[in-house]
Amino acid sequence: MEAEAAVAVVHALGPEESVLLLRRSTRAGDPWSGHWAFPGGRREPGDQCLVDTALRELGEECGVHLSRLQLETALPVRHAGQHQGRLILVAPFLFRVGGTFEVTPDGVEAESALWLPLAHFRDTTCHQAGAVPGLPGGRSMPGIPLEGAPLWGFTYRVLCEWLGVSEPQGI
């Protein structure tokens, strides 16, 4: 089964390695409304491949225009939405940039952005279980609390796998 969507995992090198996250805008009918995520979305007919999808979405949502030359690798395809009732296969692509820079969220799909220091993510004392806004049944999920909503689910799992961070036991 081929992935239907793609995300851009933008890894900033430099004194404080970071990864770009965006906070999705609050929109009716969007199961990821208000959640922290990688820039990305569904493949469109004009996209030649899923790398094009990731780059197009990064440009649309964050005003960030990267080149295919900045593509480091494709990360393993994963399912997203298993806790939202809308299962979709997503292809994450890792892009490397020289350092952090200002990001301008589009205000339609993304309301804010941040560069999450990888040291913060690797510090497992920052990981905790918590309720996720909009998740049916009030289930508690592992993640990292960020400004206004937790980093959890697909984005959290991709970061754990990429960075070799085991989900802390007992959360």
N, C-alpha and C. Protein backbone atom coordinates (compact mmCIF):
# COMPACT_ATOMS: atom_id res chain seq x y z
N MET A 1 0.85 -1.18 0.00
CA MET A 1 0.00 0.00 0.00
C MET A 1 0.90 1.25 0.00
N GLU A 2 0.63 2.16 -0.92
CA GLU A 2 1.45 3.36 -1.05
C GLU A 2 0.95 4.47 -0.12
N ALA A 3 1.89 5.25 0.37
CA ALA A 3 1.54 6.38 1.25
C ALA A 3 0.68 7.39 0.48
N GLU A 4 -0.22 8.03 1.21
CA GLU A 4 -1.13 9.02 0.63
C GLU A 4 -0.72 10.44 0.98
N ALA A 5 0.22 10.57 1.90
CA ALA A 5 0.61 11.88 2.39
C ALA A 5 2.10 11.86 2.72
N ALA A 6 2.65 13.07 2.92
CA ALA A 6 4.06 13.18 3.27
C ALA A 6 4.26 14.35 4.22
N VAL A 7 5.31 14.25 5.02
CA VAL A 7 5.69 15.33 5.93
C VAL A 7 7.17 15.65 5.76
N ALA A 8 7.51 16.90 6.06
CA ALA A 8 8.90 17.35 6.02
C ALA A 8 9.42 17.43 7.45
N VAL A 9 10.42 16.63 7.76
CA VAL A 9 11.10 16.68 9.05
C VAL A 9 12.33 17.55 8.80
N VAL A 10 12.27 18.82 9.22
CA VAL A 10 13.34 19.77 8.94
C VAL A 10 14.26 19.82 10.15
N HIS A 11 15.48 19.32 9.96
CA HIS A 11 16.48 19.19 11.03
C HIS A 11 17.50 20.30 10.87
N ALA A 12 17.53 21.21 11.83
CA ALA A 12 18.48 22.33 11.83
C ALA A 12 19.74 21.93 12.59
N LEU A 13 20.87 22.01 11.92
CA LEU A 13 22.15 21.75 12.56
C LEU A 13 22.59 23.03 13.26
N GLY A 14 23.72 23.01 13.89
CA GLY A 14 24.22 24.20 14.57
C GLY A 14 24.45 23.92 16.03
N PRO A 15 24.69 25.00 16.81
CA PRO A 15 25.00 24.82 18.23
C PRO A 15 23.88 24.10 18.99
N GLU A 16 22.64 24.34 18.59
CA GLU A 16 21.52 23.65 19.24
C GLU A 16 20.68 22.99 18.15
N GLU A 17 20.96 21.70 17.92
CA GLU A 17 20.19 20.97 16.91
C GLU A 17 18.71 21.06 17.26
N SER A 18 17.90 21.30 16.23
CA SER A 18 16.46 21.45 16.45
C SER A 18 15.69 20.83 15.30
N VAL A 19 14.41 20.66 15.52
CA VAL A 19 13.50 20.18 14.47
C VAL A 19 12.32 21.15 14.41
N LEU A 20 11.85 21.42 13.19
CA LEU A 20 10.75 22.35 12.98
C LEU A 20 9.41 21.66 13.20
N LEU A 21 8.59 22.29 14.04
CA LEU A 21 7.22 21.82 14.27
C LEU A 21 6.27 22.98 14.01
N LEU A 22 5.07 22.65 13.59
CA LEU A 22 4.04 23.68 13.46
C LEU A 22 2.84 23.26 14.28
N ARG A 23 2.11 24.27 14.72
CA ARG A 23 0.85 24.00 15.43
C ARG A 23 -0.26 24.24 14.44
N ARG A 24 -1.00 23.18 14.18
CA ARG A 24 -2.07 23.23 13.19
C ARG A 24 -3.16 24.20 13.66
N SER A 25 -3.72 24.91 12.72
CA SER A 25 -4.82 25.83 13.03
C SER A 25 -6.04 25.05 13.49
N THR A 26 -6.87 25.71 14.29
CA THR A 26 -8.11 25.11 14.75
C THR A 26 -9.13 25.24 13.64
N ARG A 27 -9.57 24.09 13.12
CA ARG A 27 -10.53 24.06 12.01
C ARG A 27 -11.52 22.94 12.22
N ALA A 28 -12.79 23.23 11.98
CA ALA A 28 -13.85 22.21 12.09
C ALA A 28 -13.56 21.08 11.11
N GLY A 29 -13.73 19.85 11.58
CA GLY A 29 -13.55 18.69 10.73
C GLY A 29 -12.10 18.23 10.59
N ASP A 30 -11.15 18.95 11.18
CA ASP A 30 -9.74 18.56 11.11
C ASP A 30 -9.41 17.80 12.40
N PRO A 31 -9.16 16.47 12.30
CA PRO A 31 -8.90 15.71 13.52
C PRO A 31 -7.59 16.10 14.21
N TRP A 32 -6.69 16.81 13.50
CA TRP A 32 -5.42 17.22 14.09
C TRP A 32 -5.43 18.70 14.44
N SER A 33 -6.61 19.26 14.53
CA SER A 33 -6.80 20.68 14.83
C SER A 33 -6.09 21.08 16.12
N GLY A 34 -5.22 22.10 16.04
CA GLY A 34 -4.54 22.62 17.22
C GLY A 34 -3.37 21.78 17.72
N HIS A 35 -3.03 20.71 17.02
CA HIS A 35 -1.97 19.81 17.46
C HIS A 35 -0.63 20.21 16.84
N TRP A 36 0.46 19.85 17.51
CA TRP A 36 1.81 20.05 16.99
C TRP A 36 2.13 18.93 16.02
N ALA A 37 2.76 19.27 14.89
CA ALA A 37 3.03 18.28 13.85
C ALA A 37 4.18 18.77 12.97
N PHE A 38 4.62 17.88 12.11
CA PHE A 38 5.54 18.27 11.04
C PHE A 38 4.70 18.92 9.95
N PRO A 39 5.28 19.84 9.19
CA PRO A 39 4.58 20.36 8.02
C PRO A 39 4.33 19.21 7.04
N GLY A 40 3.15 19.16 6.49
CA GLY A 40 2.87 18.09 5.53
C GLY A 40 1.39 17.99 5.22
N GLY A 41 1.06 17.05 4.37
CA GLY A 41 -0.33 16.84 3.99
C GLY A 41 -0.46 15.81 2.89
N ARG A 42 -1.65 15.76 2.34
CA ARG A 42 -1.97 14.76 1.31
C ARG A 42 -1.33 15.09 -0.03
N ARG A 43 -1.03 14.03 -0.74
CA ARG A 43 -0.49 14.15 -2.10
C ARG A 43 -1.57 14.72 -3.01
N GLU A 44 -1.16 15.65 -3.88
CA GLU A 44 -2.07 16.24 -4.86
C GLU A 44 -1.69 15.76 -6.25
N PRO A 45 -2.63 15.80 -7.20
CA PRO A 45 -2.34 15.30 -8.56
C PRO A 45 -1.10 15.92 -9.21
N GLY A 46 -0.77 17.16 -8.92
CA GLY A 46 0.39 17.82 -9.51
C GLY A 46 1.72 17.40 -8.91
N ASP A 47 1.70 16.67 -7.80
CA ASP A 47 2.94 16.23 -7.15
C ASP A 47 3.49 15.02 -7.90
N GLN A 48 4.72 15.13 -8.40
CA GLN A 48 5.32 14.01 -9.13
C GLN A 48 5.62 12.83 -8.22
N CYS A 49 5.96 13.15 -6.96
CA CYS A 49 6.26 12.10 -5.98
C CYS A 49 5.98 12.67 -4.59
N LEU A 50 6.14 11.83 -3.59
CA LEU A 50 5.85 12.26 -2.22
C LEU A 50 6.87 13.26 -1.68
N VAL A 51 8.09 13.27 -2.20
CA VAL A 51 9.05 14.31 -1.81
C VAL A 51 8.50 15.67 -2.24
N ASP A 52 7.92 15.72 -3.45
CA ASP A 52 7.29 16.96 -3.92
C ASP A 52 6.15 17.38 -2.99
N THR A 53 5.39 16.41 -2.50
CA THR A 53 4.29 16.71 -1.58
C THR A 53 4.84 17.36 -0.31
N ALA A 54 5.89 16.76 0.26
CA ALA A 54 6.47 17.29 1.50
C ALA A 54 6.99 18.71 1.28
N LEU A 55 7.70 18.94 0.18
CA LEU A 55 8.26 20.27 -0.10
C LEU A 55 7.15 21.29 -0.37
N ARG A 56 6.12 20.90 -1.12
CA ARG A 56 5.00 21.81 -1.41
C ARG A 56 4.29 22.21 -0.12
N GLU A 57 4.00 21.23 0.72
CA GLU A 57 3.30 21.51 1.98
C GLU A 57 4.14 22.38 2.91
N LEU A 58 5.44 22.14 2.96
CA LEU A 58 6.34 22.95 3.77
C LEU A 58 6.29 24.41 3.31
N GLY A 59 6.29 24.63 2.01
CA GLY A 59 6.19 25.98 1.47
C GLY A 59 4.85 26.62 1.76
N GLU A 60 3.77 25.87 1.56
CA GLU A 60 2.42 26.41 1.77
C GLU A 60 2.16 26.74 3.24
N GLU A 61 2.50 25.82 4.13
CA GLU A 61 2.15 25.98 5.54
C GLU A 61 3.10 26.90 6.31
N CYS A 62 4.37 26.91 5.92
CA CYS A 62 5.38 27.62 6.71
C CYS A 62 6.16 28.68 5.95
N GLY A 63 5.93 28.80 4.66
CA GLY A 63 6.70 29.75 3.87
C GLY A 63 8.16 29.37 3.75
N VAL A 64 8.48 28.09 3.96
CA VAL A 64 9.85 27.60 3.88
C VAL A 64 10.01 26.86 2.56
N HIS A 65 10.98 27.28 1.77
CA HIS A 65 11.21 26.67 0.45
C HIS A 65 12.59 26.03 0.44
N LEU A 66 12.58 24.71 0.51
CA LEU A 66 13.83 23.95 0.48
C LEU A 66 13.98 23.28 -0.88
N SER A 67 15.17 22.78 -1.12
CA SER A 67 15.50 22.10 -2.36
C SER A 67 15.57 20.60 -2.11
N ARG A 68 15.39 19.83 -3.17
CA ARG A 68 15.58 18.38 -3.08
C ARG A 68 17.02 18.05 -2.64
N LEU A 69 17.94 18.97 -2.91
CA LEU A 69 19.34 18.75 -2.53
C LEU A 69 19.51 18.72 -1.01
N GLN A 70 18.54 19.26 -0.28
CA GLN A 70 18.61 19.25 1.19
C GLN A 70 17.98 18.00 1.79
N LEU A 71 17.46 17.12 0.93
CA LEU A 71 16.88 15.86 1.40
C LEU A 71 18.00 14.95 1.86
N GLU A 72 17.95 14.57 3.14
CA GLU A 72 18.95 13.67 3.70
C GLU A 72 18.55 12.22 3.48
N THR A 73 17.28 11.89 3.81
CA THR A 73 16.82 10.51 3.69
C THR A 73 15.31 10.44 3.83
N ALA A 74 14.77 9.33 3.41
CA ALA A 74 13.37 9.02 3.66
C ALA A 74 13.32 8.18 4.93
N LEU A 75 12.48 8.57 5.87
CA LEU A 75 12.29 7.79 7.09
C LEU A 75 11.20 6.75 6.83
N PRO A 76 11.07 5.73 7.66
CA PRO A 76 10.06 4.70 7.43
C PRO A 76 8.64 5.27 7.37
N VAL A 77 7.88 4.78 6.40
CA VAL A 77 6.47 5.15 6.26
C VAL A 77 5.73 4.61 7.48
N ARG A 78 4.82 5.44 8.00
CA ARG A 78 4.07 5.06 9.21
C ARG A 78 2.61 5.41 9.04
N HIS A 79 1.78 4.79 9.84
CA HIS A 79 0.37 5.15 9.89
C HIS A 79 0.18 6.35 10.81
N ALA A 80 -0.70 7.23 10.42
CA ALA A 80 -1.13 8.35 11.26
C ALA A 80 -2.64 8.24 11.42
N GLY A 81 -3.13 8.81 12.50
CA GLY A 81 -4.57 8.87 12.72
C GLY A 81 -5.18 7.66 13.37
N GLN A 82 -4.37 6.73 13.87
CA GLN A 82 -4.95 5.52 14.46
C GLN A 82 -5.81 5.82 15.68
N HIS A 83 -5.54 6.93 16.37
CA HIS A 83 -6.34 7.30 17.54
C HIS A 83 -7.44 8.29 17.17
N GLN A 84 -7.47 8.70 15.91
CA GLN A 84 -8.47 9.66 15.44
C GLN A 84 -9.56 8.99 14.61
N GLY A 85 -9.36 7.70 14.27
CA GLY A 85 -10.34 7.00 13.48
C GLY A 85 -10.20 7.24 11.98
N ARG A 86 -9.10 7.89 11.55
CA ARG A 86 -8.85 8.15 10.13
C ARG A 86 -7.44 7.70 9.79
N LEU A 87 -7.26 6.42 9.58
CA LEU A 87 -5.93 5.86 9.34
C LEU A 87 -5.41 6.26 7.96
N ILE A 88 -4.18 6.76 7.90
CA ILE A 88 -3.57 7.19 6.65
C ILE A 88 -2.07 6.86 6.70
N LEU A 89 -1.53 6.39 5.57
CA LEU A 89 -0.10 6.11 5.48
C LEU A 89 0.63 7.39 5.11
N VAL A 90 1.67 7.73 5.89
CA VAL A 90 2.40 8.98 5.68
C VAL A 90 3.90 8.68 5.52
N ALA A 91 4.50 9.33 4.52
CA ALA A 91 5.93 9.19 4.26
C ALA A 91 6.66 10.40 4.84
N PRO A 92 7.50 10.21 5.87
CA PRO A 92 8.30 11.32 6.40
C PRO A 92 9.64 11.43 5.66
N PHE A 93 10.02 12.65 5.31
CA PHE A 93 11.29 12.91 4.64
C PHE A 93 12.12 13.86 5.50
N LEU A 94 13.38 13.48 5.74
CA LEU A 94 14.28 14.25 6.58
C LEU A 94 15.10 15.21 5.72
N PHE A 95 14.97 16.50 6.00
CA PHE A 95 15.72 17.54 5.31
C PHE A 95 16.67 18.18 6.31
N ARG A 96 17.89 18.52 5.88
CA ARG A 96 18.86 19.15 6.76
C ARG A 96 19.08 20.59 6.32
N VAL A 97 19.12 21.49 7.31
CA VAL A 97 19.42 22.90 7.06
C VAL A 97 20.54 23.31 8.02
N GLY A 98 21.24 24.40 7.69
CA GLY A 98 22.41 24.81 8.45
C GLY A 98 22.13 25.34 9.84
N GLY A 99 20.93 25.77 10.11
CA GLY A 99 20.56 26.31 11.42
C GLY A 99 19.10 26.74 11.40
N THR A 100 18.61 27.20 12.53
CA THR A 100 17.23 27.65 12.60
C THR A 100 17.08 29.00 11.90
N PHE A 101 15.86 29.32 11.52
CA PHE A 101 15.55 30.57 10.86
C PHE A 101 14.08 30.89 11.12
N GLU A 102 13.69 32.11 10.81
CA GLU A 102 12.31 32.52 11.05
C GLU A 102 11.37 31.79 10.11
N VAL A 103 10.25 31.37 10.66
CA VAL A 103 9.23 30.65 9.91
C VAL A 103 7.94 31.46 9.98
N THR A 104 7.23 31.56 8.85
CA THR A 104 6.00 32.33 8.81
C THR A 104 4.82 31.40 8.52
N PRO A 105 4.12 30.94 9.56
CA PRO A 105 2.95 30.08 9.34
C PRO A 105 1.90 30.81 8.50
N ASP A 106 1.19 30.05 7.68
CA ASP A 106 0.24 30.64 6.75
C ASP A 106 -1.04 31.15 7.41
N GLY A 107 -1.31 30.77 8.65
CA GLY A 107 -2.51 31.23 9.34
C GLY A 107 -3.77 30.46 8.97
N VAL A 108 -3.73 29.71 7.89
CA VAL A 108 -4.88 28.90 7.48
C VAL A 108 -4.72 27.48 8.00
N GLU A 109 -3.62 26.85 7.65
CA GLU A 109 -3.36 25.48 8.11
C GLU A 109 -2.47 25.44 9.34
N ALA A 110 -1.62 26.44 9.48
CA ALA A 110 -0.68 26.49 10.61
C ALA A 110 -0.81 27.83 11.32
N GLU A 111 -0.97 27.79 12.65
CA GLU A 111 -1.11 29.04 13.40
C GLU A 111 0.19 29.49 14.05
N SER A 112 1.10 28.56 14.30
CA SER A 112 2.39 28.93 14.87
C SER A 112 3.41 27.85 14.55
N ALA A 113 4.68 28.19 14.77
CA ALA A 113 5.76 27.25 14.52
C ALA A 113 6.80 27.41 15.61
N LEU A 114 7.59 26.36 15.82
CA LEU A 114 8.69 26.44 16.77
C LEU A 114 9.78 25.48 16.34
N TRP A 115 10.98 25.80 16.78
CA TRP A 115 12.12 24.92 16.61
C TRP A 115 12.31 24.19 17.94
N LEU A 116 12.02 22.91 17.98
CA LEU A 116 12.15 22.11 19.20
C LEU A 116 13.59 21.61 19.30
N PRO A 117 14.33 22.03 20.34
CA PRO A 117 15.69 21.53 20.51
C PRO A 117 15.68 20.00 20.69
N LEU A 118 16.54 19.32 19.96
CA LEU A 118 16.58 17.86 20.06
C LEU A 118 17.04 17.41 21.44
N ALA A 119 17.83 18.22 22.12
CA ALA A 119 18.24 17.88 23.49
C ALA A 119 17.02 17.78 24.40
N HIS A 120 16.04 18.65 24.18
CA HIS A 120 14.80 18.62 24.98
C HIS A 120 14.04 17.31 24.70
N PHE A 121 13.98 16.93 23.43
CA PHE A 121 13.27 15.69 23.10
C PHE A 121 14.00 14.47 23.63
N ARG A 122 15.32 14.49 23.56
CA ARG A 122 16.11 13.34 24.04
C ARG A 122 16.07 13.19 25.56
N ASP A 123 15.72 14.25 26.27
CA ASP A 123 15.61 14.21 27.73
C ASP A 123 14.28 13.55 28.09
N THR A 124 14.33 12.27 28.42
CA THR A 124 13.09 11.53 28.65
C THR A 124 12.33 11.99 29.89
N THR A 125 12.95 12.82 30.74
CA THR A 125 12.19 13.36 31.88
C THR A 125 11.15 14.37 31.38
N CYS A 126 11.28 14.84 30.15
CA CYS A 126 10.30 15.77 29.56
C CYS A 126 9.09 15.04 28.98
N HIS A 127 9.20 13.72 28.84
CA HIS A 127 8.11 12.92 28.27
C HIS A 127 7.13 12.57 29.39
N GLN A 128 5.85 12.64 29.06
CA GLN A 128 4.84 12.26 30.04
C GLN A 128 3.55 11.88 29.34
N ALA A 129 2.73 11.17 30.04
CA ALA A 129 1.41 10.82 29.50
C ALA A 129 0.45 11.95 29.84
N GLY A 130 -0.45 12.19 28.93
CA GLY A 130 -1.43 13.23 29.18
C GLY A 130 -2.60 13.13 28.22
N ALA A 131 -3.67 13.81 28.57
CA ALA A 131 -4.85 13.85 27.71
C ALA A 131 -4.53 14.70 26.48
N VAL A 132 -5.11 14.32 25.36
CA VAL A 132 -4.89 15.03 24.10
C VAL A 132 -6.20 15.71 23.70
N PRO A 133 -6.17 17.05 23.50
CA PRO A 133 -7.40 17.74 23.10
C PRO A 133 -7.99 17.15 21.83
N GLY A 134 -9.28 16.85 21.88
CA GLY A 134 -9.99 16.33 20.72
C GLY A 134 -9.92 14.84 20.55
N LEU A 135 -9.13 14.15 21.37
CA LEU A 135 -9.02 12.71 21.24
C LEU A 135 -10.23 12.06 21.92
N PRO A 136 -10.96 11.22 21.19
CA PRO A 136 -12.15 10.59 21.77
C PRO A 136 -11.81 9.75 22.99
N GLY A 137 -12.70 9.74 23.94
CA GLY A 137 -12.57 8.89 25.11
C GLY A 137 -11.64 9.39 26.19
N GLY A 138 -11.05 10.55 26.03
CA GLY A 138 -10.18 11.12 27.05
C GLY A 138 -8.98 10.27 27.37
N ARG A 139 -8.49 9.50 26.40
CA ARG A 139 -7.35 8.62 26.63
C ARG A 139 -6.08 9.42 26.89
N SER A 140 -5.23 8.84 27.69
CA SER A 140 -3.94 9.44 28.00
C SER A 140 -2.91 8.84 27.04
N MET A 141 -2.10 9.72 26.42
CA MET A 141 -1.12 9.28 25.43
C MET A 141 0.27 9.80 25.81
N PRO A 142 1.34 9.07 25.47
CA PRO A 142 2.68 9.57 25.73
C PRO A 142 3.00 10.74 24.81
N GLY A 143 3.76 11.70 25.32
CA GLY A 143 4.14 12.85 24.52
C GLY A 143 4.98 13.81 25.31
N ILE A 144 5.11 15.02 24.76
CA ILE A 144 5.84 16.10 25.41
C ILE A 144 4.94 17.32 25.43
N PRO A 145 4.69 17.90 26.60
CA PRO A 145 3.88 19.12 26.65
C PRO A 145 4.61 20.27 25.97
N LEU A 146 3.93 20.95 25.08
CA LEU A 146 4.46 22.14 24.43
C LEU A 146 3.45 23.26 24.60
N GLU A 147 3.71 24.40 24.01
CA GLU A 147 2.84 25.56 24.14
C GLU A 147 1.40 25.24 23.68
N GLY A 148 0.50 25.04 24.63
CA GLY A 148 -0.91 24.88 24.33
C GLY A 148 -1.40 23.49 24.00
N ALA A 149 -0.53 22.57 23.63
CA ALA A 149 -0.96 21.21 23.27
C ALA A 149 0.26 20.29 23.35
N PRO A 150 0.02 19.01 23.56
CA PRO A 150 1.16 18.10 23.60
C PRO A 150 1.65 17.73 22.20
N LEU A 151 2.93 17.38 22.11
CA LEU A 151 3.49 16.75 20.93
C LEU A 151 3.27 15.26 21.16
N TRP A 152 2.51 14.60 20.32
CA TRP A 152 2.14 13.21 20.57
C TRP A 152 1.90 12.50 19.24
N GLY A 153 1.45 11.27 19.30
CA GLY A 153 1.00 10.52 18.13
C GLY A 153 2.08 10.29 17.08
N PHE A 154 1.68 10.44 15.81
CA PHE A 154 2.55 10.19 14.68
C PHE A 154 3.87 10.96 14.79
N THR A 155 3.79 12.26 15.04
CA THR A 155 4.99 13.10 15.10
C THR A 155 5.91 12.63 16.23
N TYR A 156 5.34 12.33 17.37
CA TYR A 156 6.11 11.84 18.52
C TYR A 156 6.79 10.51 18.17
N ARG A 157 6.04 9.59 17.55
CA ARG A 157 6.60 8.28 17.21
C ARG A 157 7.72 8.39 16.18
N VAL A 158 7.55 9.26 15.17
CA VAL A 158 8.60 9.45 14.17
C VAL A 158 9.87 9.99 14.83
N LEU A 159 9.72 10.97 15.71
CA LEU A 159 10.89 11.53 16.40
C LEU A 159 11.56 10.48 17.29
N CYS A 160 10.78 9.70 18.02
CA CYS A 160 11.36 8.65 18.87
C CYS A 160 12.18 7.67 18.03
N GLU A 161 11.61 7.24 16.92
CA GLU A 161 12.30 6.26 16.08
C GLU A 161 13.55 6.87 15.44
N TRP A 162 13.43 8.06 14.86
CA TRP A 162 14.56 8.71 14.20
C TRP A 162 15.72 8.96 15.17
N LEU A 163 15.41 9.42 16.38
CA LEU A 163 16.43 9.78 17.36
C LEU A 163 16.84 8.62 18.26
N GLY A 164 16.19 7.47 18.11
CA GLY A 164 16.52 6.32 18.94
C GLY A 164 16.14 6.50 20.39
N VAL A 165 15.06 7.25 20.63
CA VAL A 165 14.57 7.49 21.99
C VAL A 165 13.45 6.50 22.27
N SER A 166 13.62 5.70 23.32
CA SER A 166 12.57 4.76 23.70
C SER A 166 11.52 5.50 24.50
N GLU A 167 10.26 5.19 24.21
CA GLU A 167 9.21 5.78 25.03
C GLU A 167 9.44 5.35 26.48
N PRO A 168 9.47 6.31 27.39
CA PRO A 168 9.68 5.95 28.79
C PRO A 168 8.61 4.98 29.28
N GLN A 169 9.03 4.00 30.02
CA GLN A 169 8.09 3.01 30.57
C GLN A 169 7.26 3.65 31.69
N GLY A 170 6.03 3.22 31.79
CA GLY A 170 5.18 3.67 32.89
C GLY A 170 4.49 4.99 32.67
N ILE A 171 4.60 5.54 31.46
CA ILE A 171 3.83 6.76 31.23
C ILE A 171 2.68 6.47 30.29
